[in-house]
Amino acid sequence: MDLEEKIGYRFKNKELLKEALTHSSYANERKAQHIKYNERLEFLGDAVLSIVVSDYIFKHCPELPEGELTKLRASLVCEKSLFEFAKKMNLGSYLILSKGERNNGGAERPSILSDAFEALIAAIYLDGGADPVSKHILSFVVPAIKSSKKKHVKDYKTTLQEIVQKNPGEKLEYVLVAESGPDHNKHFAVEVHLNSNVIGKGGGRSKKEAEQQAAREALELMGY
C-alpha cells in the first residue's frame, strides 16, 4: 500500500493497518462479518500522541511555563490540527467507509479524518513500538511547532512596537545582556528598553526567542 510509503513505515501486521483505516460505518454495513474498526485504536492513539507531543515540547521548549506548554499541546492534538495532518497525507483516500458515508463526504469530514489519524498512530505503535511512532508523529508536529513559534515572535514584538508607536518620541530597544552555554546549546538573555528603562526581560535558545519573551513580559506588565 502506498500509504506505507508516505508514512515511511512498513507494517509487519497488515491487519493492524486495515483496522486503523476502517470506519465503524463500514463494519455496521457488514454486521455478520465481525469486521474490526478503528475506534479502539483511536483511544490508544490519542494517549500515544499526547505523550509523544508532551515529551517533545517539554524538552524543546524550555522557555515555556507549564500553562503555555499545556496550551501548545492542546493546539497540536486538537481535531483541527489532526485534520490538517491527515489531509497532508491524503488519508481520506485510504479510509474504508460504508457507501453511504463515502457518498456523504465522510472521507473529507474532520472528525473522521482526525480519528483515523489517531488510530493509525496506535497501529504503528502496536506494530513497531515507540521509535517509529514518534518519528511519524513528529514529522507533522515539529513543523507545526516551528510555524506556531514564528507567529508568536511576530505577534509579541509587533504588538509591542505598535503600542509604543502611538506615542511619538518613544524609543524601543532590545539589549542582549547575557550569553551562556556551549555552541550546540546556547542561552541568550535579553532586556527590552523603553527610553532606557527596562520594561521586560526574556531568555531563549536564540536572540529572537529571547526578544520574543522580553516583549511578551513587557506586554503582560503593560496589561496586554
N, C-alpha and C. Protein backbone atom coordinates (compact mmCIF):
# COMPACT_ATOMS: atom_id res chain seq x y z
N MET A 1 0.85 -1.20 0.00
CA MET A 1 0.00 0.00 0.00
C MET A 1 0.88 1.24 0.00
N ASP A 2 0.58 2.20 -0.86
CA ASP A 2 1.47 3.36 -0.94
C ASP A 2 1.33 4.30 0.26
N LEU A 3 0.33 4.07 1.11
CA LEU A 3 0.25 4.83 2.37
C LEU A 3 1.48 4.53 3.22
N GLU A 4 1.95 3.29 3.18
CA GLU A 4 3.15 2.92 3.92
C GLU A 4 4.36 3.68 3.40
N GLU A 5 4.41 3.91 2.09
CA GLU A 5 5.50 4.71 1.51
C GLU A 5 5.43 6.15 2.04
N LYS A 6 4.21 6.68 2.13
CA LYS A 6 4.03 8.07 2.58
C LYS A 6 4.48 8.26 4.03
N ILE A 7 4.13 7.30 4.87
CA ILE A 7 4.45 7.46 6.29
C ILE A 7 5.84 6.91 6.63
N GLY A 8 6.47 6.26 5.66
CA GLY A 8 7.82 5.75 5.88
C GLY A 8 7.88 4.61 6.87
N TYR A 9 6.81 3.83 6.91
CA TYR A 9 6.79 2.68 7.81
C TYR A 9 6.09 1.51 7.14
N ARG A 10 6.74 0.35 7.19
CA ARG A 10 6.19 -0.86 6.59
C ARG A 10 5.65 -1.77 7.70
N PHE A 11 4.36 -2.05 7.66
CA PHE A 11 3.72 -2.86 8.69
C PHE A 11 4.10 -4.34 8.57
N LYS A 12 4.40 -4.91 9.72
CA LYS A 12 4.59 -6.37 9.77
C LYS A 12 3.22 -7.06 9.80
N ASN A 13 2.30 -6.46 10.55
CA ASN A 13 0.93 -6.97 10.64
C ASN A 13 0.00 -6.05 9.85
N LYS A 14 -0.32 -6.41 8.62
CA LYS A 14 -1.15 -5.57 7.74
C LYS A 14 -2.57 -5.41 8.27
N GLU A 15 -3.00 -6.36 9.10
CA GLU A 15 -4.36 -6.28 9.64
C GLU A 15 -4.52 -5.07 10.57
N LEU A 16 -3.45 -4.70 11.25
CA LEU A 16 -3.49 -3.51 12.11
C LEU A 16 -3.73 -2.25 11.28
N LEU A 17 -3.04 -2.16 10.15
CA LEU A 17 -3.22 -1.01 9.26
C LEU A 17 -4.65 -0.98 8.73
N LYS A 18 -5.15 -2.14 8.33
CA LYS A 18 -6.53 -2.21 7.81
C LYS A 18 -7.53 -1.79 8.87
N GLU A 19 -7.32 -2.23 10.10
CA GLU A 19 -8.23 -1.87 11.20
C GLU A 19 -8.20 -0.36 11.45
N ALA A 20 -7.02 0.22 11.39
CA ALA A 20 -6.87 1.67 11.62
C ALA A 20 -7.62 2.49 10.58
N LEU A 21 -7.72 1.96 9.38
CA LEU A 21 -8.36 2.69 8.27
C LEU A 21 -9.85 2.39 8.13
N THR A 22 -10.35 1.44 8.92
CA THR A 22 -11.75 1.02 8.78
C THR A 22 -12.65 1.80 9.72
N HIS A 23 -13.64 2.47 9.15
CA HIS A 23 -14.60 3.26 9.92
C HIS A 23 -15.75 2.37 10.38
N SER A 24 -16.37 2.75 11.48
CA SER A 24 -17.46 1.95 12.04
C SER A 24 -18.62 1.78 11.06
N SER A 25 -18.82 2.76 10.16
CA SER A 25 -19.93 2.67 9.20
C SER A 25 -19.77 1.46 8.28
N TYR A 26 -18.52 1.16 7.94
CA TYR A 26 -18.26 0.01 7.07
C TYR A 26 -18.55 -1.30 7.82
N ALA A 27 -18.13 -1.35 9.08
CA ALA A 27 -18.38 -2.55 9.89
C ALA A 27 -19.89 -2.75 10.10
N ASN A 28 -20.61 -1.64 10.36
CA ASN A 28 -22.05 -1.73 10.58
C ASN A 28 -22.78 -2.18 9.31
N GLU A 29 -22.24 -1.82 8.17
CA GLU A 29 -22.84 -2.18 6.89
C GLU A 29 -22.73 -3.70 6.65
N ARG A 30 -21.74 -4.33 7.31
CA ARG A 30 -21.50 -5.77 7.11
C ARG A 30 -21.48 -6.47 8.48
N LYS A 31 -22.59 -6.36 9.19
CA LYS A 31 -22.68 -6.82 10.58
C LYS A 31 -22.32 -8.29 10.77
N ALA A 32 -22.67 -9.11 9.82
CA ALA A 32 -22.47 -10.56 10.01
C ALA A 32 -21.00 -10.97 9.96
N GLN A 33 -20.14 -10.07 9.47
CA GLN A 33 -18.75 -10.46 9.23
C GLN A 33 -17.79 -10.14 10.38
N HIS A 34 -18.30 -9.52 11.44
CA HIS A 34 -17.47 -9.20 12.62
C HIS A 34 -16.19 -8.45 12.23
N ILE A 35 -16.34 -7.41 11.46
CA ILE A 35 -15.20 -6.64 10.98
C ILE A 35 -14.69 -5.70 12.08
N LYS A 36 -13.37 -5.68 12.27
CA LYS A 36 -12.78 -4.75 13.24
C LYS A 36 -12.73 -3.34 12.64
N TYR A 37 -13.05 -2.35 13.46
CA TYR A 37 -12.94 -0.96 13.01
C TYR A 37 -12.10 -0.16 14.01
N ASN A 38 -11.88 1.11 13.71
CA ASN A 38 -10.77 1.82 14.35
C ASN A 38 -11.03 2.55 15.67
N GLU A 39 -12.19 2.39 16.30
CA GLU A 39 -12.47 3.18 17.49
C GLU A 39 -11.58 2.81 18.69
N ARG A 40 -11.29 1.53 18.88
CA ARG A 40 -10.39 1.14 19.99
C ARG A 40 -8.96 1.64 19.74
N LEU A 41 -8.52 1.55 18.49
CA LEU A 41 -7.20 2.06 18.15
C LEU A 41 -7.13 3.57 18.35
N GLU A 42 -8.19 4.25 18.04
CA GLU A 42 -8.25 5.71 18.22
C GLU A 42 -8.03 6.07 19.69
N PHE A 43 -8.62 5.30 20.59
CA PHE A 43 -8.46 5.51 22.03
C PHE A 43 -6.98 5.44 22.43
N LEU A 44 -6.29 4.42 21.97
CA LEU A 44 -4.87 4.25 22.28
C LEU A 44 -4.03 5.32 21.59
N GLY A 45 -4.35 5.60 20.34
CA GLY A 45 -3.59 6.58 19.58
C GLY A 45 -3.62 7.96 20.21
N ASP A 46 -4.76 8.31 20.79
CA ASP A 46 -4.90 9.60 21.47
C ASP A 46 -3.89 9.71 22.62
N ALA A 47 -3.73 8.63 23.38
CA ALA A 47 -2.80 8.63 24.51
C ALA A 47 -1.34 8.66 24.04
N VAL A 48 -1.03 7.89 23.01
CA VAL A 48 0.34 7.86 22.47
C VAL A 48 0.71 9.23 21.90
N LEU A 49 -0.21 9.82 21.17
CA LEU A 49 0.02 11.16 20.60
C LEU A 49 0.33 12.16 21.69
N SER A 50 -0.46 12.13 22.76
CA SER A 50 -0.28 13.08 23.85
C SER A 50 1.08 12.95 24.53
N ILE A 51 1.52 11.72 24.77
CA ILE A 51 2.81 11.54 25.45
C ILE A 51 3.98 11.93 24.55
N VAL A 52 3.90 11.61 23.27
CA VAL A 52 4.99 11.96 22.34
C VAL A 52 5.10 13.48 22.20
N VAL A 53 3.96 14.14 22.05
CA VAL A 53 3.96 15.62 21.92
C VAL A 53 4.42 16.26 23.23
N SER A 54 3.93 15.76 24.36
CA SER A 54 4.32 16.31 25.67
C SER A 54 5.83 16.18 25.89
N ASP A 55 6.37 15.02 25.58
CA ASP A 55 7.80 14.77 25.75
C ASP A 55 8.62 15.71 24.88
N TYR A 56 8.17 15.89 23.63
CA TYR A 56 8.94 16.73 22.71
C TYR A 56 8.94 18.21 23.14
N ILE A 57 7.75 18.74 23.44
CA ILE A 57 7.70 20.18 23.77
C ILE A 57 8.32 20.47 25.13
N PHE A 58 8.26 19.49 26.05
CA PHE A 58 8.93 19.66 27.36
C PHE A 58 10.44 19.82 27.16
N LYS A 59 11.01 19.01 26.27
CA LYS A 59 12.46 19.03 26.04
C LYS A 59 12.91 20.16 25.12
N HIS A 60 12.06 20.56 24.17
CA HIS A 60 12.49 21.50 23.14
C HIS A 60 11.93 22.92 23.29
N CYS A 61 11.07 23.13 24.28
CA CYS A 61 10.53 24.47 24.52
C CYS A 61 10.77 24.86 25.98
N PRO A 62 12.05 24.90 26.40
CA PRO A 62 12.36 25.16 27.81
C PRO A 62 11.94 26.55 28.29
N GLU A 63 11.69 27.44 27.34
CA GLU A 63 11.31 28.81 27.71
C GLU A 63 9.85 28.93 28.11
N LEU A 64 9.06 27.88 27.83
CA LEU A 64 7.62 27.96 28.09
C LEU A 64 7.27 27.43 29.47
N PRO A 65 6.48 28.21 30.25
CA PRO A 65 6.00 27.71 31.54
C PRO A 65 4.92 26.65 31.34
N GLU A 66 4.51 26.02 32.43
CA GLU A 66 3.56 24.90 32.35
C GLU A 66 2.27 25.26 31.63
N GLY A 67 1.74 26.43 31.93
CA GLY A 67 0.48 26.85 31.31
C GLY A 67 0.59 26.97 29.80
N GLU A 68 1.72 27.50 29.33
CA GLU A 68 1.92 27.67 27.89
C GLU A 68 2.18 26.32 27.21
N LEU A 69 2.87 25.41 27.92
CA LEU A 69 3.07 24.06 27.38
C LEU A 69 1.73 23.36 27.19
N THR A 70 0.84 23.53 28.16
CA THR A 70 -0.49 22.92 28.07
C THR A 70 -1.26 23.46 26.87
N LYS A 71 -1.19 24.79 26.69
CA LYS A 71 -1.88 25.41 25.55
C LYS A 71 -1.30 24.92 24.22
N LEU A 72 0.03 24.84 24.15
CA LEU A 72 0.68 24.41 22.91
C LEU A 72 0.31 22.96 22.59
N ARG A 73 0.35 22.09 23.61
CA ARG A 73 -0.02 20.70 23.38
C ARG A 73 -1.47 20.59 22.90
N ALA A 74 -2.36 21.34 23.55
CA ALA A 74 -3.78 21.31 23.17
C ALA A 74 -3.97 21.73 21.72
N SER A 75 -3.19 22.71 21.28
CA SER A 75 -3.33 23.20 19.90
C SER A 75 -2.82 22.18 18.88
N LEU A 76 -1.89 21.31 19.32
CA LEU A 76 -1.28 20.33 18.41
C LEU A 76 -2.07 19.03 18.32
N VAL A 77 -2.82 18.71 19.36
CA VAL A 77 -3.55 17.43 19.38
C VAL A 77 -5.05 17.61 19.20
N CYS A 78 -5.50 18.82 18.91
CA CYS A 78 -6.93 19.06 18.72
C CYS A 78 -7.39 18.54 17.35
N GLU A 79 -8.69 18.42 17.19
CA GLU A 79 -9.25 17.88 15.94
C GLU A 79 -8.81 18.69 14.73
N LYS A 80 -8.76 20.01 14.88
CA LYS A 80 -8.40 20.87 13.75
C LYS A 80 -6.98 20.55 13.24
N SER A 81 -6.02 20.41 14.15
CA SER A 81 -4.64 20.12 13.76
C SER A 81 -4.52 18.72 13.17
N LEU A 82 -5.17 17.74 13.81
CA LEU A 82 -5.09 16.36 13.31
C LEU A 82 -5.73 16.24 11.93
N PHE A 83 -6.79 17.00 11.71
CA PHE A 83 -7.45 17.04 10.39
C PHE A 83 -6.47 17.55 9.33
N GLU A 84 -5.72 18.60 9.67
CA GLU A 84 -4.74 19.16 8.74
C GLU A 84 -3.61 18.16 8.47
N PHE A 85 -3.15 17.47 9.52
CA PHE A 85 -2.10 16.46 9.35
C PHE A 85 -2.59 15.34 8.43
N ALA A 86 -3.84 14.90 8.66
CA ALA A 86 -4.41 13.81 7.86
C ALA A 86 -4.53 14.21 6.40
N LYS A 87 -4.89 15.46 6.16
CA LYS A 87 -5.03 15.95 4.77
C LYS A 87 -3.68 15.95 4.06
N LYS A 88 -2.62 16.27 4.80
CA LYS A 88 -1.29 16.32 4.20
C LYS A 88 -0.87 14.97 3.63
N MET A 89 -1.35 13.89 4.24
CA MET A 89 -1.00 12.56 3.75
C MET A 89 -2.14 11.95 2.94
N ASN A 90 -3.15 12.78 2.64
CA ASN A 90 -4.30 12.33 1.85
C ASN A 90 -4.93 11.08 2.45
N LEU A 91 -5.07 11.09 3.78
CA LEU A 91 -5.55 9.91 4.49
C LEU A 91 -6.97 9.51 4.09
N GLY A 92 -7.78 10.49 3.74
CA GLY A 92 -9.17 10.20 3.39
C GLY A 92 -9.32 9.22 2.24
N SER A 93 -8.38 9.24 1.31
CA SER A 93 -8.47 8.36 0.13
C SER A 93 -8.22 6.90 0.49
N TYR A 94 -7.65 6.65 1.68
CA TYR A 94 -7.34 5.28 2.09
C TYR A 94 -8.39 4.70 3.05
N LEU A 95 -9.32 5.53 3.51
CA LEU A 95 -10.28 5.07 4.51
C LEU A 95 -11.26 4.06 3.93
N ILE A 96 -11.63 3.11 4.75
CA ILE A 96 -12.60 2.09 4.37
C ILE A 96 -13.93 2.49 5.01
N LEU A 97 -14.82 3.04 4.20
CA LEU A 97 -16.09 3.60 4.67
C LEU A 97 -17.26 2.85 4.05
N SER A 98 -18.44 2.98 4.65
CA SER A 98 -19.65 2.47 4.00
C SER A 98 -19.93 3.33 2.77
N LYS A 99 -20.71 2.79 1.85
CA LYS A 99 -21.05 3.55 0.64
C LYS A 99 -21.75 4.85 1.01
N GLY A 100 -22.66 4.77 1.97
CA GLY A 100 -23.40 5.96 2.38
C GLY A 100 -22.50 7.03 2.96
N GLU A 101 -21.58 6.61 3.82
CA GLU A 101 -20.66 7.55 4.47
C GLU A 101 -19.73 8.19 3.44
N ARG A 102 -19.24 7.40 2.49
CA ARG A 102 -18.37 7.96 1.46
C ARG A 102 -19.13 8.93 0.57
N ASN A 103 -20.37 8.57 0.21
CA ASN A 103 -21.20 9.45 -0.63
C ASN A 103 -21.56 10.75 0.08
N ASN A 104 -21.59 10.71 1.42
CA ASN A 104 -21.92 11.90 2.21
C ASN A 104 -20.69 12.72 2.59
N GLY A 105 -19.57 12.41 1.97
CA GLY A 105 -18.35 13.20 2.20
C GLY A 105 -17.56 12.79 3.43
N GLY A 106 -17.76 11.55 3.89
CA GLY A 106 -17.05 11.08 5.08
C GLY A 106 -15.54 11.11 4.97
N ALA A 107 -15.04 10.91 3.76
CA ALA A 107 -13.58 10.89 3.56
C ALA A 107 -12.94 12.26 3.73
N GLU A 108 -13.78 13.31 3.78
CA GLU A 108 -13.26 14.67 3.99
C GLU A 108 -13.73 15.26 5.31
N ARG A 109 -14.44 14.49 6.12
CA ARG A 109 -15.00 15.02 7.37
C ARG A 109 -13.91 15.10 8.43
N PRO A 110 -13.75 16.28 9.06
CA PRO A 110 -12.68 16.46 10.06
C PRO A 110 -12.70 15.44 11.18
N SER A 111 -13.88 15.12 11.73
CA SER A 111 -13.93 14.18 12.86
C SER A 111 -13.46 12.79 12.44
N ILE A 112 -13.86 12.34 11.26
CA ILE A 112 -13.47 11.00 10.79
C ILE A 112 -11.98 10.95 10.48
N LEU A 113 -11.46 11.99 9.83
CA LEU A 113 -10.04 12.01 9.47
C LEU A 113 -9.15 12.13 10.71
N SER A 114 -9.53 12.97 11.66
CA SER A 114 -8.71 13.12 12.87
C SER A 114 -8.71 11.83 13.69
N ASP A 115 -9.86 11.16 13.76
CA ASP A 115 -9.93 9.88 14.47
C ASP A 115 -9.07 8.82 13.79
N ALA A 116 -9.11 8.79 12.47
CA ALA A 116 -8.30 7.82 11.72
C ALA A 116 -6.81 8.10 11.89
N PHE A 117 -6.44 9.38 11.98
CA PHE A 117 -5.04 9.74 12.20
C PHE A 117 -4.56 9.18 13.54
N GLU A 118 -5.40 9.29 14.57
CA GLU A 118 -5.05 8.74 15.88
C GLU A 118 -4.99 7.22 15.84
N ALA A 119 -5.92 6.60 15.13
CA ALA A 119 -5.93 5.13 15.02
C ALA A 119 -4.67 4.64 14.32
N LEU A 120 -4.22 5.37 13.31
CA LEU A 120 -3.00 4.99 12.60
C LEU A 120 -1.79 5.08 13.52
N ILE A 121 -1.77 6.09 14.38
CA ILE A 121 -0.70 6.22 15.37
C ILE A 121 -0.64 4.97 16.25
N ALA A 122 -1.81 4.53 16.72
CA ALA A 122 -1.86 3.34 17.58
C ALA A 122 -1.39 2.10 16.82
N ALA A 123 -1.78 1.99 15.57
CA ALA A 123 -1.39 0.83 14.76
C ALA A 123 0.13 0.77 14.60
N ILE A 124 0.75 1.90 14.33
CA ILE A 124 2.22 1.95 14.19
C ILE A 124 2.87 1.58 15.53
N TYR A 125 2.32 2.12 16.61
CA TYR A 125 2.87 1.86 17.95
C TYR A 125 2.80 0.37 18.29
N LEU A 126 1.65 -0.24 18.05
CA LEU A 126 1.48 -1.67 18.36
C LEU A 126 2.34 -2.55 17.47
N ASP A 127 2.53 -2.14 16.24
CA ASP A 127 3.28 -2.95 15.28
C ASP A 127 4.79 -2.78 15.42
N GLY A 128 5.22 -1.55 15.72
CA GLY A 128 6.66 -1.28 15.70
C GLY A 128 7.27 -0.66 16.94
N GLY A 129 6.42 -0.21 17.88
CA GLY A 129 6.96 0.36 19.11
C GLY A 129 7.10 1.87 19.09
N ALA A 130 7.83 2.38 20.09
CA ALA A 130 7.89 3.82 20.33
C ALA A 130 8.67 4.61 19.27
N ASP A 131 9.77 4.07 18.78
CA ASP A 131 10.62 4.84 17.86
C ASP A 131 9.92 5.19 16.54
N PRO A 132 9.36 4.23 15.82
CA PRO A 132 8.70 4.60 14.56
C PRO A 132 7.48 5.49 14.75
N VAL A 133 6.73 5.28 15.85
CA VAL A 133 5.53 6.12 16.04
C VAL A 133 5.94 7.55 16.40
N SER A 134 7.01 7.70 17.16
CA SER A 134 7.49 9.06 17.48
C SER A 134 7.95 9.77 16.22
N LYS A 135 8.68 9.05 15.38
CA LYS A 135 9.15 9.63 14.11
C LYS A 135 7.97 10.08 13.25
N HIS A 136 6.94 9.25 13.19
CA HIS A 136 5.74 9.57 12.40
C HIS A 136 5.04 10.81 12.95
N ILE A 137 4.80 10.84 14.24
CA ILE A 137 4.09 11.97 14.86
C ILE A 137 4.88 13.27 14.70
N LEU A 138 6.17 13.20 14.98
CA LEU A 138 6.99 14.43 14.97
C LEU A 138 7.19 14.98 13.56
N SER A 139 7.03 14.13 12.54
CA SER A 139 7.15 14.64 11.17
C SER A 139 6.04 15.66 10.87
N PHE A 140 4.94 15.58 11.61
CA PHE A 140 3.85 16.55 11.47
C PHE A 140 3.94 17.65 12.53
N VAL A 141 4.26 17.24 13.74
CA VAL A 141 4.19 18.15 14.88
C VAL A 141 5.31 19.20 14.88
N VAL A 142 6.54 18.79 14.55
CA VAL A 142 7.66 19.73 14.61
C VAL A 142 7.48 20.92 13.66
N PRO A 143 7.10 20.70 12.38
CA PRO A 143 6.83 21.87 11.51
C PRO A 143 5.71 22.75 12.06
N ALA A 144 4.71 22.14 12.69
CA ALA A 144 3.59 22.92 13.25
C ALA A 144 4.07 23.78 14.42
N ILE A 145 4.97 23.24 15.24
CA ILE A 145 5.52 24.00 16.37
C ILE A 145 6.35 25.17 15.85
N LYS A 146 7.18 24.91 14.85
CA LYS A 146 8.02 25.98 14.29
C LYS A 146 7.17 27.09 13.71
N SER A 147 6.11 26.71 13.03
CA SER A 147 5.19 27.69 12.45
C SER A 147 4.52 28.50 13.55
N SER A 148 4.12 27.82 14.62
CA SER A 148 3.48 28.49 15.75
C SER A 148 4.43 29.47 16.42
N LYS A 149 5.69 29.06 16.58
CA LYS A 149 6.68 29.95 17.22
C LYS A 149 6.91 31.20 16.40
N LYS A 150 6.97 31.04 15.08
CA LYS A 150 7.18 32.20 14.21
C LYS A 150 6.04 33.20 14.35
N LYS A 151 4.83 32.69 14.43
CA LYS A 151 3.66 33.57 14.59
C LYS A 151 3.73 34.33 15.89
N HIS A 152 4.14 33.63 16.97
CA HIS A 152 4.20 34.27 18.27
C HIS A 152 5.29 35.34 18.32
N VAL A 153 6.44 35.03 17.69
CA VAL A 153 7.53 36.02 17.64
C VAL A 153 7.03 37.29 16.97
N LYS A 154 6.35 37.14 15.87
CA LYS A 154 5.83 38.30 15.15
C LYS A 154 4.79 39.02 15.99
N ASP A 155 3.92 38.29 16.64
CA ASP A 155 2.83 38.88 17.40
C ASP A 155 3.33 39.73 18.56
N TYR A 156 4.18 39.16 19.43
CA TYR A 156 4.62 39.88 20.62
C TYR A 156 5.42 41.13 20.27
N LYS A 157 6.41 40.97 19.40
CA LYS A 157 7.25 42.12 19.07
C LYS A 157 6.49 43.17 18.27
N THR A 158 5.68 42.70 17.32
CA THR A 158 4.91 43.64 16.51
C THR A 158 3.88 44.38 17.35
N THR A 159 3.21 43.65 18.23
CA THR A 159 2.21 44.27 19.09
C THR A 159 2.83 45.33 19.99
N LEU A 160 3.97 45.00 20.59
CA LEU A 160 4.65 45.97 21.46
C LEU A 160 5.08 47.19 20.66
N GLN A 161 5.61 46.97 19.46
CA GLN A 161 6.04 48.07 18.61
C GLN A 161 4.87 48.98 18.26
N GLU A 162 3.74 48.36 17.94
CA GLU A 162 2.55 49.15 17.56
C GLU A 162 2.05 50.00 18.72
N ILE A 163 2.13 49.47 19.94
CA ILE A 163 1.69 50.22 21.13
C ILE A 163 2.61 51.41 21.37
N VAL A 164 3.92 51.15 21.29
CA VAL A 164 4.91 52.20 21.55
C VAL A 164 4.82 53.32 20.49
N GLN A 165 4.56 52.95 19.25
CA GLN A 165 4.49 53.92 18.16
C GLN A 165 3.34 54.91 18.30
N LYS A 166 2.37 54.60 19.16
CA LYS A 166 1.24 55.52 19.37
C LYS A 166 1.69 56.78 20.11
N ASN A 167 2.88 56.70 20.73
CA ASN A 167 3.44 57.86 21.44
C ASN A 167 4.72 58.30 20.76
N PRO A 168 4.64 59.30 19.88
CA PRO A 168 5.82 59.77 19.15
C PRO A 168 6.96 60.14 20.09
N GLY A 169 8.17 59.78 19.70
CA GLY A 169 9.33 60.11 20.51
C GLY A 169 9.77 58.98 21.43
N GLU A 170 8.92 57.98 21.62
CA GLU A 170 9.29 56.85 22.47
C GLU A 170 10.26 55.92 21.70
N LYS A 171 11.30 55.48 22.39
CA LYS A 171 12.29 54.64 21.74
C LYS A 171 12.31 53.24 22.37
N LEU A 172 12.13 52.24 21.52
CA LEU A 172 12.12 50.85 21.96
C LEU A 172 13.40 50.17 21.50
N GLU A 173 14.07 49.44 22.40
CA GLU A 173 15.33 48.80 22.05
C GLU A 173 15.48 47.46 22.77
N TYR A 174 16.00 46.46 22.04
CA TYR A 174 16.28 45.15 22.63
C TYR A 174 17.78 45.05 22.88
N VAL A 175 18.15 44.72 24.12
CA VAL A 175 19.55 44.69 24.52
C VAL A 175 19.93 43.28 25.00
N LEU A 176 20.96 42.69 24.38
CA LEU A 176 21.48 41.40 24.80
C LEU A 176 22.32 41.61 26.05
N VAL A 177 21.92 40.99 27.17
CA VAL A 177 22.62 41.23 28.44
C VAL A 177 23.46 40.03 28.88
N ALA A 178 23.19 38.85 28.32
CA ALA A 178 23.98 37.68 28.69
C ALA A 178 23.89 36.60 27.62
N GLU A 179 24.97 35.83 27.52
CA GLU A 179 25.03 34.72 26.56
C GLU A 179 25.85 33.62 27.21
N SER A 180 25.28 32.41 27.31
CA SER A 180 25.98 31.34 28.01
C SER A 180 25.75 30.00 27.31
N GLY A 181 26.53 29.01 27.74
CA GLY A 181 26.37 27.65 27.22
C GLY A 181 27.23 27.36 26.01
N PRO A 182 27.41 26.07 25.70
CA PRO A 182 28.20 25.67 24.52
C PRO A 182 27.46 26.00 23.23
N ASP A 183 28.17 25.92 22.11
CA ASP A 183 27.59 26.32 20.83
C ASP A 183 26.31 25.57 20.48
N HIS A 184 26.24 24.28 20.85
CA HIS A 184 25.07 23.49 20.47
C HIS A 184 23.88 23.70 21.42
N ASN A 185 24.11 24.44 22.53
CA ASN A 185 23.03 24.65 23.50
C ASN A 185 23.17 26.02 24.15
N LYS A 186 23.17 27.05 23.32
CA LYS A 186 23.32 28.42 23.79
C LYS A 186 22.07 28.90 24.53
N HIS A 187 22.27 29.83 25.44
CA HIS A 187 21.14 30.51 26.08
C HIS A 187 21.42 32.01 26.05
N PHE A 188 20.43 32.75 25.60
CA PHE A 188 20.56 34.20 25.49
C PHE A 188 19.58 34.88 26.44
N ALA A 189 20.03 35.98 27.06
CA ALA A 189 19.16 36.78 27.91
C ALA A 189 19.08 38.19 27.32
N VAL A 190 17.86 38.66 27.18
CA VAL A 190 17.62 39.96 26.53
C VAL A 190 16.72 40.83 27.41
N GLU A 191 16.99 42.12 27.40
CA GLU A 191 16.10 43.10 28.02
C GLU A 191 15.51 43.98 26.92
N VAL A 192 14.25 44.36 27.10
CA VAL A 192 13.67 45.33 26.19
C VAL A 192 13.57 46.66 26.95
N HIS A 193 14.12 47.70 26.34
CA HIS A 193 14.18 49.01 26.98
C HIS A 193 13.22 49.99 26.30
N LEU A 194 12.54 50.75 27.10
CA LEU A 194 11.73 51.86 26.59
C LEU A 194 12.33 53.14 27.16
N ASN A 195 12.96 53.91 26.27
CA ASN A 195 13.66 55.14 26.70
C ASN A 195 14.65 54.84 27.83
N SER A 196 15.43 53.77 27.65
CA SER A 196 16.47 53.31 28.57
C SER A 196 15.94 52.66 29.86
N ASN A 197 14.62 52.59 30.02
CA ASN A 197 14.04 51.90 31.17
C ASN A 197 13.71 50.45 30.79
N VAL A 198 14.10 49.51 31.65
CA VAL A 198 13.81 48.10 31.38
C VAL A 198 12.33 47.84 31.61
N ILE A 199 11.64 47.36 30.56
CA ILE A 199 10.21 47.06 30.71
C ILE A 199 9.90 45.57 30.53
N GLY A 200 10.94 44.79 30.23
CA GLY A 200 10.72 43.35 30.09
C GLY A 200 12.04 42.61 29.93
N LYS A 201 12.08 41.36 30.42
CA LYS A 201 13.25 40.51 30.29
C LYS A 201 12.83 39.15 29.74
N GLY A 202 13.73 38.54 28.99
CA GLY A 202 13.39 37.23 28.43
C GLY A 202 14.63 36.43 28.12
N GLY A 203 14.46 35.10 28.05
CA GLY A 203 15.57 34.22 27.71
C GLY A 203 15.15 33.18 26.69
N GLY A 204 16.14 32.62 25.99
CA GLY A 204 15.82 31.60 24.99
C GLY A 204 17.06 31.06 24.34
N ARG A 205 16.86 30.09 23.44
CA ARG A 205 17.98 29.44 22.77
C ARG A 205 18.50 30.25 21.59
N SER A 206 17.81 31.30 21.24
CA SER A 206 18.28 32.22 20.19
C SER A 206 17.94 33.63 20.64
N LYS A 207 18.59 34.62 19.99
CA LYS A 207 18.30 36.02 20.33
C LYS A 207 16.85 36.36 20.03
N LYS A 208 16.35 35.84 18.91
CA LYS A 208 14.96 36.12 18.53
C LYS A 208 13.99 35.58 19.56
N GLU A 209 14.26 34.38 20.04
CA GLU A 209 13.40 33.76 21.04
C GLU A 209 13.43 34.56 22.35
N ALA A 210 14.63 35.01 22.73
CA ALA A 210 14.77 35.81 23.95
C ALA A 210 14.05 37.15 23.80
N GLU A 211 14.14 37.75 22.63
CA GLU A 211 13.43 39.02 22.37
C GLU A 211 11.92 38.82 22.45
N GLN A 212 11.46 37.67 21.93
CA GLN A 212 10.04 37.35 22.00
C GLN A 212 9.58 37.34 23.46
N GLN A 213 10.32 36.64 24.30
CA GLN A 213 9.94 36.52 25.70
C GLN A 213 10.00 37.86 26.42
N ALA A 214 10.99 38.68 26.05
CA ALA A 214 11.10 40.01 26.67
C ALA A 214 9.91 40.88 26.27
N ALA A 215 9.55 40.84 25.00
CA ALA A 215 8.39 41.61 24.53
C ALA A 215 7.11 41.12 25.18
N ARG A 216 7.03 39.80 25.32
CA ARG A 216 5.84 39.21 25.96
C ARG A 216 5.71 39.67 27.41
N GLU A 217 6.83 39.66 28.15
CA GLU A 217 6.78 40.11 29.54
C GLU A 217 6.40 41.58 29.62
N ALA A 218 6.93 42.37 28.69
CA ALA A 218 6.59 43.81 28.67
C ALA A 218 5.08 44.01 28.44
N LEU A 219 4.53 43.25 27.52
CA LEU A 219 3.08 43.34 27.23
C LEU A 219 2.27 42.94 28.45
N GLU A 220 2.70 41.90 29.16
CA GLU A 220 1.98 41.46 30.35
C GLU A 220 2.02 42.53 31.43
N LEU A 221 3.20 43.14 31.62
CA LEU A 221 3.33 44.20 32.63
C LEU A 221 2.51 45.44 32.27
N MET A 222 2.31 45.63 30.97
CA MET A 222 1.51 46.79 30.50
C MET A 222 0.02 46.48 30.49
N GLY A 223 -0.31 45.21 30.81
CA GLY A 223 -1.72 44.85 30.90
C GLY A 223 -2.33 44.29 29.63
N TYR A 224 -1.47 43.88 28.68
CA TYR A 224 -1.97 43.33 27.43
C TYR A 224 -1.90 41.81 27.45
